[in-house]
C-alpha cells in the first residue's frame, strides 16, 4: 500500500518506528501477565483461568509476529 512502482513512499524512520510500536503492542500483554503470575499468589479459579488465557493469547500473538516475515 505504501509502495508505488517499487519505490517506498514512507520514510525509513517511520517504518522502524512502526515495527517497534507493533512489537511493544504484542509483547506488553505477555510481559504484564508474566509479572502477574509471580506477583499475585492468591487468585480464585476464575482469575487463574482468565490470566492463563490472556497469557496464552499474547504468546500466540508474539509467535505470529515472529513468523510474519
Protein backbone atom coordinates (compact mmCIF):
# COMPACT_ATOMS: atom_id res chain seq x y z
CA UNK A 1 0.00 0.00 0.00
CA UNK A 2 2.84 2.38 0.66
CA UNK A 3 4.76 1.39 -2.48
CA UNK A 4 4.36 2.84 -5.90
CA UNK A 5 6.35 1.40 -8.82
CA UNK A 6 8.72 -0.34 -6.39
CA UNK A 7 9.52 2.94 -4.63
CA UNK A 8 8.92 3.10 -0.90
CA UNK A 9 6.68 6.08 -0.13
CA UNK A 10 7.25 6.15 3.64
CA UNK A 11 10.47 7.29 5.27
CA UNK A 12 12.72 4.67 6.80
CA UNK A 13 12.36 6.07 10.33
CA UNK A 14 8.58 5.67 10.12
CA UNK A 15 8.88 2.01 9.14
CA UNK A 16 11.27 1.37 12.03
CA UNK A 17 9.01 3.23 14.47
CA UNK A 18 6.01 1.20 13.37
CA UNK A 19 7.91 -2.07 13.81
CA UNK A 20 8.90 -1.04 17.34
CA UNK A 21 5.34 0.03 18.22
CA UNK A 22 3.93 -3.22 16.85
CA UNK A 23 6.46 -5.20 18.85
CA UNK A 24 5.53 -3.31 22.03
CA UNK A 25 1.80 -3.85 21.48
CA UNK A 26 2.36 -7.57 21.02
CA UNK A 27 4.79 -8.13 23.88
CA UNK A 28 3.37 -5.92 26.64
CA UNK A 29 0.42 -8.22 27.50
CA UNK A 30 2.84 -11.13 27.67
CA UNK A 31 5.19 -9.25 29.99
CA UNK A 32 2.36 -7.95 32.16
CA UNK A 33 0.73 -11.36 32.60
CA UNK A 34 4.12 -12.93 33.32
CA UNK A 35 4.62 -10.43 36.14
CA UNK A 36 1.08 -11.04 37.38
CA UNK A 37 1.74 -14.78 37.66
CA UNK A 38 4.57 -14.08 40.08
CA UNK A 39 3.07 -11.16 41.99
CA UNK A 40 -0.46 -12.38 42.61
CA UNK A 41 -0.41 -15.54 44.70
CA UNK A 42 -3.97 -15.92 45.92
CA UNK A 43 -6.34 -15.95 42.99
CA UNK A 44 -9.68 -17.60 42.51
CA UNK A 45 -10.00 -20.33 39.94
CA UNK A 46 -11.74 -17.98 37.50
CA UNK A 47 -8.95 -15.37 37.84
CA UNK A 48 -6.34 -18.02 37.28
CA UNK A 49 -8.02 -19.31 34.10
CA UNK A 50 -8.52 -15.79 32.79
CA UNK A 51 -4.90 -14.88 33.38
CA UNK A 52 -3.80 -18.10 31.70
CA UNK A 53 -5.94 -17.33 28.65
CA UNK A 54 -4.52 -13.83 28.33
CA UNK A 55 -1.02 -15.23 28.73
CA UNK A 56 -1.50 -17.82 26.00
CA UNK A 57 -3.19 -15.39 23.61
CA UNK A 58 -0.38 -12.89 23.98
CA UNK A 59 2.18 -15.64 23.46
CA UNK A 60 0.29 -16.67 20.33
CA UNK A 61 0.46 -13.09 19.03
CA UNK A 62 4.20 -12.99 19.62
CA UNK A 63 4.69 -16.22 17.70
CA UNK A 64 2.56 -14.89 14.83
CA UNK A 65 4.57 -11.68 14.74
CA UNK A 66 7.87 -13.58 14.65
CA UNK A 67 6.69 -15.83 11.80
CA UNK A 68 5.33 -12.99 9.66
CA UNK A 69 8.45 -12.34 7.68
